[in-house]
Protein backbone atom coordinates (compact mmCIF):
# COMPACT_ATOMS: atom_id res chain seq x y z
CA MET A 1 99.81 65.91 112.49
CA THR A 2 101.28 68.43 114.94
CA GLY A 3 104.44 68.82 112.86
CA LEU A 4 102.45 69.42 109.68
CA ALA A 5 100.26 71.92 111.52
CA ILE A 6 103.28 73.90 112.74
CA LEU A 7 104.78 73.89 109.24
CA LEU A 8 101.53 75.22 107.74
CA VAL A 9 101.23 77.84 110.47
CA GLY A 10 104.54 79.27 109.28
CA TYR A 11 103.41 79.11 105.68
CA SER A 12 100.13 80.83 106.55
CA LEU A 13 101.86 83.78 108.20
CA PHE A 14 104.24 84.18 105.25
CA SER A 15 101.40 83.81 102.73
CA ALA A 16 99.22 86.36 104.54
CA LEU A 17 102.04 88.91 104.31
CA ILE A 18 102.61 88.24 100.60
CA ILE A 19 98.90 88.47 99.77
CA ALA A 20 98.57 91.72 101.74
CA LEU A 21 101.52 93.29 99.89
CA THR A 22 100.63 92.06 96.40
CA HIS A 23 96.91 91.39 96.00
CA PHE A 24 95.56 94.05 98.35
CA ARG A 25 97.34 96.95 96.69
CA SER A 26 95.17 100.04 96.44
CA GLU A 27 95.05 99.95 92.63
CA HIS A 28 93.19 96.61 92.78
CA TYR A 29 90.47 98.12 94.97
CA ARG A 30 90.24 101.71 93.79
CA ASP A 31 86.46 101.83 94.09
CA GLN A 32 86.14 99.21 96.84
CA PRO A 33 87.96 100.57 99.93
CA VAL A 34 85.66 98.72 102.35
CA SER A 35 86.30 95.40 100.62
CA ARG A 36 90.05 96.01 100.74
CA ALA A 37 89.95 96.95 104.43
CA MET A 38 87.90 93.86 105.29
CA GLY A 39 90.23 91.65 103.26
CA LEU A 40 93.22 92.93 105.19
CA LEU A 41 91.31 92.47 108.46
CA LEU A 42 90.53 88.90 107.44
CA LEU A 43 94.21 88.19 106.79
CA LEU A 44 95.11 89.69 110.16
CA ALA A 45 92.46 87.61 111.95
CA LEU A 46 93.57 84.36 110.32
CA SER A 47 97.20 85.16 111.12
CA ALA A 48 96.28 85.77 114.76
CA LEU A 49 94.48 82.42 114.90
CA GLN A 50 97.52 80.67 113.45
CA ALA A 51 99.80 82.41 115.96
CA ALA A 52 97.57 81.11 118.77
CA HIS A 53 97.70 77.61 117.28
CA PHE A 54 101.50 77.78 117.20
CA ALA A 55 101.60 78.94 120.83
CA TRP A 56 99.45 76.00 121.90
CA LEU A 57 100.96 73.26 119.72
CA TYR A 58 104.63 74.22 120.05
CA LEU A 59 104.99 76.39 123.16
CA ASP A 60 102.23 74.84 125.33
CA ARG A 61 100.67 78.25 125.88
CA GLU A 62 96.88 77.96 125.96
CA TRP A 63 96.14 81.05 123.92
CA VAL A 64 93.37 79.09 122.19
CA ALA A 65 91.45 79.06 125.49
CA ALA A 66 91.61 82.85 125.92
CA LEU A 67 88.78 85.27 125.20
CA PRO A 68 90.73 87.15 122.45
CA TYR A 69 91.02 83.89 120.48
CA ARG A 70 87.27 83.31 120.63
CA MET A 71 86.55 86.92 119.64
CA ILE A 72 88.87 86.66 116.65
CA LEU A 73 87.18 83.41 115.68
CA PHE A 74 83.80 85.16 115.70
CA ALA A 75 85.25 88.01 113.60
CA VAL A 76 86.52 85.82 110.74
CA ALA A 77 83.19 84.98 109.07
CA PRO A 78 81.74 88.54 109.20
CA ALA A 79 85.03 89.96 107.90
CA PHE A 80 84.92 87.48 105.03
CA TYR A 81 81.33 88.46 104.27
CA MET A 82 82.14 92.19 104.28
CA PHE A 83 85.11 91.53 102.00
CA SER A 84 83.28 89.41 99.43
CA ARG A 85 79.85 91.09 99.45
CA PRO A 86 80.85 94.09 97.27
CA LEU A 87 82.50 91.67 94.81
CA LEU A 88 79.73 89.08 94.56
CA ARG A 89 76.69 91.29 95.14
CA PRO A 90 77.52 94.73 93.69
CA GLN A 91 73.84 95.32 93.00
CA ALA A 92 73.31 95.43 96.79
CA ALA A 93 76.06 97.98 97.39
CA SER A 94 73.51 100.70 98.03
CA ALA A 95 72.15 98.92 101.09
CA THR A 96 72.26 101.10 104.16
CA ARG A 97 75.44 100.68 106.13
CA PRO A 98 73.65 100.62 109.53
CA ALA A 99 71.89 97.45 108.34
CA LEU A 100 75.32 95.83 107.95
CA LEU A 101 76.09 96.35 111.63
CA VAL A 102 74.07 93.22 112.37
CA HIS A 103 77.11 91.27 111.21
CA ALA A 104 79.02 92.59 114.23
CA LEU A 105 76.56 90.98 116.66
CA PRO A 106 78.41 87.63 116.93
CA LEU A 107 81.55 89.48 117.96
CA LEU A 108 79.65 91.58 120.52
CA ILE A 109 77.92 88.64 122.22
CA CYS A 110 81.02 86.44 122.26
CA PRO A 111 82.34 87.68 125.66
CA PHE A 112 79.07 86.66 127.32
CA LEU A 113 78.98 83.11 125.99
CA PRO A 114 80.11 80.10 128.05
CA GLU A 115 83.50 78.85 126.91
CA THR A 116 82.13 75.39 126.14
CA SER A 117 79.56 76.71 123.66
CA ALA A 118 81.51 79.64 122.17
CA LEU A 119 83.64 77.64 119.71
CA PRO A 120 80.82 75.45 118.32
CA LEU A 121 78.62 78.52 117.91
CA ALA A 122 81.42 80.40 116.12
CA PHE A 123 81.76 77.57 113.62
CA LEU A 124 77.98 77.37 113.23
CA VAL A 125 77.94 81.08 112.36
CA GLY A 126 80.77 80.45 109.92
CA ALA A 127 78.78 77.66 108.25
CA GLY A 128 75.91 80.11 107.75
CA TYR A 129 78.18 82.52 105.93
CA MET A 130 79.53 79.65 103.82
CA LEU A 131 75.98 78.88 102.70
CA TRP A 132 75.62 82.51 101.61
CA LEU A 133 78.84 82.15 99.62
CA ALA A 134 77.60 78.93 98.00
CA ARG A 135 74.36 80.64 96.98
CA SER A 136 76.23 83.62 95.52
CA LEU A 137 78.61 81.42 93.55
CA PHE A 138 75.73 79.26 92.29
CA ARG A 139 74.16 82.36 90.78
CA LEU A 140 77.42 82.79 88.83
CA ARG A 141 77.22 79.31 87.31
CA HIS A 142 76.59 80.68 83.81
CA GLU A 143 79.88 82.61 84.00
CA ARG A 144 81.96 79.61 85.06
CA ALA A 145 83.69 79.41 81.67
CA HIS A 146 85.46 82.70 82.51
CA PHE A 147 86.79 81.40 85.83
CA HIS A 148 86.80 77.61 85.47
CA LEU A 149 90.10 76.80 87.16
CA GLU A 150 89.77 79.61 89.69
CA LEU A 151 86.32 78.38 90.76
CA LEU A 152 87.71 74.87 91.20
CA LEU A 153 90.47 76.17 93.47
CA LEU A 154 88.10 78.37 95.44
CA GLY A 155 85.73 75.42 95.64
CA GLY A 156 88.53 73.64 97.46
CA VAL A 157 88.68 76.52 99.96
CA PHE A 158 84.91 76.27 100.38
CA THR A 159 85.15 72.51 101.01
CA ILE A 160 87.86 73.06 103.61
CA ALA A 161 85.76 75.73 105.35
CA ILE A 162 82.71 73.47 105.50
CA GLY A 163 84.85 70.63 106.86
CA VAL A 164 86.29 72.87 109.56
CA SER A 165 82.80 74.05 110.49
CA GLY A 166 81.76 70.44 110.91
CA LEU A 167 84.78 69.70 113.10
CA GLY A 168 84.06 72.82 115.14
CA LEU A 169 80.58 71.58 115.99
CA VAL A 170 82.04 68.39 117.50
CA GLN A 171 85.17 70.03 118.86
CA ALA A 172 84.35 69.11 122.47
CA SER A 173 84.53 65.41 121.63
CA LEU A 174 88.01 65.65 120.06
CA PRO A 175 91.38 65.95 121.81
CA ASP A 176 92.31 69.65 121.95
CA ARG A 177 95.62 69.25 120.18
CA LEU A 178 94.08 67.14 117.44
CA PHE A 179 91.31 69.65 116.76
CA PHE A 180 93.59 72.68 116.74
CA SER A 181 96.17 70.81 114.65
CA LEU A 182 93.48 70.03 112.08
CA TYR A 183 92.26 73.61 112.19
CA ALA A 184 95.78 74.97 111.65
CA VAL A 185 96.29 72.55 108.74
CA ALA A 186 92.97 73.62 107.20
CA ILE A 187 93.86 77.32 107.36
CA GLY A 188 97.27 76.60 105.85
CA LEU A 189 95.77 74.61 102.97
CA ALA A 190 93.22 77.37 102.36
CA PHE A 191 96.05 79.91 102.12
CA LEU A 192 97.84 77.63 99.65
CA LEU A 193 94.77 77.40 97.40
CA VAL A 194 94.06 81.13 97.60
CA GLN A 195 97.65 82.07 96.80
CA THR A 196 97.70 79.64 93.86
CA THR A 197 94.48 81.23 92.57
CA LEU A 198 95.93 84.74 92.85
CA VAL A 199 99.12 83.72 91.05
CA LEU A 200 96.99 82.47 88.17
CA ARG A 201 94.69 85.52 88.22
CA PRO A 202 96.34 88.47 90.03
CA GLN A 203 93.36 90.78 89.47
CA LEU A 204 90.70 88.19 90.19
CA SER A 205 88.67 90.44 92.49
CA THR A 206 88.34 93.16 89.85
CA GLU A 207 87.38 90.70 87.13
CA VAL A 208 84.83 88.92 89.31
CA ARG A 209 83.19 92.22 90.26
CA GLU A 210 82.91 93.36 86.64
CA THR A 211 81.61 89.97 85.48
CA VAL A 212 79.01 89.89 88.24
CA GLN A 213 77.85 93.40 87.37
CA ALA A 214 77.42 92.40 83.73
CA ALA A 215 75.74 89.10 84.62
CA TYR A 216 73.10 90.56 86.94
CA ALA A 217 72.43 93.91 85.35
CA THR A 218 69.50 94.49 83.07
CA SER A 219 70.96 95.04 79.63
CA THR A 220 71.93 98.65 79.07
CA LEU A 221 72.88 98.12 75.42
CA ASN A 222 69.42 97.92 73.86
CA ASN A 223 69.79 101.30 72.14
CA VAL A 224 73.56 101.12 71.60
CA ASP A 225 75.24 100.38 68.26
CA CYS A 226 77.58 97.76 69.67
CA ASP A 227 79.56 97.27 66.47
CA ALA A 228 80.21 101.00 66.19
CA MET A 229 81.27 101.19 69.83
CA LEU A 230 83.65 98.26 69.41
CA ALA A 231 85.12 99.92 66.31
CA ARG A 232 85.58 103.14 68.28
CA LEU A 233 87.24 101.20 71.08
CA GLU A 234 89.59 99.49 68.63
CA ALA A 235 90.54 102.84 67.11
CA LEU A 236 91.37 104.26 70.52
CA MET A 237 93.58 101.28 71.22
CA THR A 238 95.39 101.04 67.89
CA SER A 239 95.61 104.65 66.71
CA GLU A 240 95.78 106.56 69.97
CA ARG A 241 97.38 103.86 72.13
CA ILE A 242 95.14 104.89 74.99
CA TYR A 243 96.07 101.68 76.82
CA ALA A 244 99.49 103.21 77.52
CA ASP A 245 97.94 105.61 80.04
CA PRO A 246 98.73 104.01 83.43
CA GLU A 247 95.78 105.86 84.99
CA LEU A 248 93.26 104.55 82.46
CA SER A 249 90.12 103.40 84.26
CA LEU A 250 86.79 101.94 83.24
CA PRO A 251 84.99 105.30 83.64
CA GLY A 252 87.76 107.12 81.75
CA LEU A 253 87.73 104.72 78.82
CA ALA A 254 83.93 104.66 78.76
CA GLY A 255 83.88 108.45 78.44
CA ARG A 256 86.26 108.32 75.49
CA VAL A 257 84.17 105.65 73.76
CA GLY A 258 80.90 107.47 74.45
CA LEU A 259 79.33 105.02 76.87
CA ARG A 260 78.56 104.88 80.56
CA PRO A 261 80.93 102.69 82.60
CA HIS A 262 78.42 99.90 83.18
CA GLN A 263 77.57 99.92 79.46
CA LEU A 264 81.22 99.47 78.49
CA SER A 265 81.61 96.72 81.10
CA GLU A 266 78.58 94.91 79.70
CA LEU A 267 79.81 95.39 76.12
CA LEU A 268 83.20 93.86 76.89
CA ASN A 269 81.69 90.93 78.77
CA ALA A 270 78.88 90.26 76.31
CA ARG A 271 80.74 90.72 73.02
CA LEU A 272 84.36 89.90 73.92
CA GLY A 273 83.88 87.66 76.95
CA LYS A 274 86.33 89.73 79.01
CA SER A 275 86.27 92.07 81.95
CA PHE A 276 87.70 95.55 81.52
CA ALA A 277 90.75 94.62 83.60
CA ARG A 278 91.45 91.54 81.49
CA TYR A 279 90.87 93.40 78.22
CA LEU A 280 93.24 96.20 79.21
CA ARG A 281 95.99 93.81 80.32
CA GLU A 282 95.75 91.87 77.06
CA ARG A 283 96.02 95.06 74.97
CA ARG A 284 99.05 96.17 76.94
CA LEU A 285 100.67 92.77 76.60
CA THR A 286 100.09 92.70 72.84
CA ALA A 287 101.97 95.99 72.54
CA ALA A 288 104.65 94.83 74.98
CA LYS A 289 105.32 91.62 73.03
CA ALA A 290 105.83 93.58 69.84
CA MET A 291 108.27 95.95 71.58
CA LEU A 292 110.19 93.09 73.20
CA CYS A 293 110.82 91.62 69.74
CA ASP A 294 111.31 94.87 67.80
CA GLU A 295 113.46 96.70 70.36
CA PRO A 296 115.94 94.16 71.76
CA SER A 297 118.03 96.86 73.44
CA ALA A 298 115.11 98.21 75.48
CA SER A 299 114.98 97.01 79.09
CA VAL A 300 112.07 94.87 80.19
CA LEU A 301 111.04 97.50 82.73
CA SER A 302 111.02 100.30 80.17
CA VAL A 303 108.84 98.18 77.88
CA GLY A 304 106.36 97.49 80.66
CA LEU A 305 106.14 101.12 81.70
CA SER A 306 105.77 102.33 78.11
CA VAL A 307 102.63 100.24 77.56
CA GLY A 308 100.90 101.33 80.75
CA PHE A 309 101.97 99.01 83.54
CA THR A 310 102.77 100.88 86.74
CA SER A 311 105.57 98.63 88.00
CA GLN A 312 107.75 95.72 87.00
CA SER A 313 105.83 93.39 89.33
CA ASN A 314 102.52 94.26 87.64
CA PHE A 315 104.09 93.65 84.24
CA TYR A 316 105.53 90.29 85.25
CA ASP A 317 102.30 89.18 86.94
CA ALA A 318 100.23 89.96 83.84
CA PHE A 319 102.78 88.30 81.53
CA ARG A 320 102.86 85.10 83.57
CA GLU A 321 99.08 85.02 83.86
CA ILE A 322 98.35 85.43 80.15
CA GLU A 323 101.49 84.11 78.42
CA GLY A 324 102.65 81.60 81.00
CA THR A 325 106.20 82.94 80.96
CA THR A 326 108.20 86.05 81.83
CA PRO A 327 108.92 88.95 79.45
CA GLY A 328 112.63 88.09 79.37
CA GLN A 329 111.99 84.45 78.54
CA PHE A 330 109.51 85.47 75.85
CA ARG A 331 112.11 87.78 74.27
CA LYS A 332 114.81 85.09 74.31
CA LEU A 333 112.51 82.47 72.80
CA ASN A 334 111.44 84.76 69.97
CA ALA A 335 115.03 85.87 69.34
CA ARG A 336 116.06 82.22 68.86
CA ARG A 337 113.13 81.64 66.53
CA GLY A 338 114.09 84.70 64.51
CA ALA A 339 117.70 83.52 64.26
CA ALA A 340 116.58 80.06 63.15
CA ARG A 341 114.74 81.57 60.20
């Protein structure tokens, strides 16, 4: 178990770096800076816990018994809450920020707790936040068709977190190395599931936020000619190629269509079953696929940039997510099919 734990500690640190550099780019959180900051803080906290586990399991340094370890442990659940709250409960975004300071209380009282009760209490607090997550995800049950596989993977993370919370409550009755080995393994497996989810859906946070907004909002389309708005949207995409603007945003597109941003978001979700981010990526990929076949001398990067992607990595991520292959492989496959005809 110790060997597996050390292996997954290394994977966790590498995965945290990759997620920070890819998923937490500013363009994924343009209107959610607090969520992005808390997500990065969460990655840092989990990495610090894994570093402490490595020090104890491999170097025999009892960092896990130090006050900084316990404080970081108390910070994980509130950081997770502050990261996911704007995504899962956007309707509560107007809540006063001073009211959110209550989530810092566990971290503030941690230094005054006896060492024997600090860890079980930290995991008990974490279990409370997991129940909040379960309740929030349950309210999204009617949208599960949009995120079926992703919810299964994140459900695995949830199961791991609940299991760890249970182990934390009985930590005193387990050998130290066994408990911290299991905890290190659990964090590593959670990173594996999260990274798999983000590979499948690179802009998951944006799509979840837009879907939640559409799911919980009172309909804003009662007096809107939805068919006319969809026709206007299609004209902007086909005739004006507005998707090719790399700075195109939900508010910007809504203004061109003649709707408010939340109306356009609801229209896309209700009539097309897609978030704005997903819709825009699909339109860009449709144009990119045509260019890859019609302009064989054009580089893959130039194709991606010409249809609105801001970098080669964004282009490749979207292509793999939606087409299940890379742009180059798609071009080669279609060239062979054309030659066979």
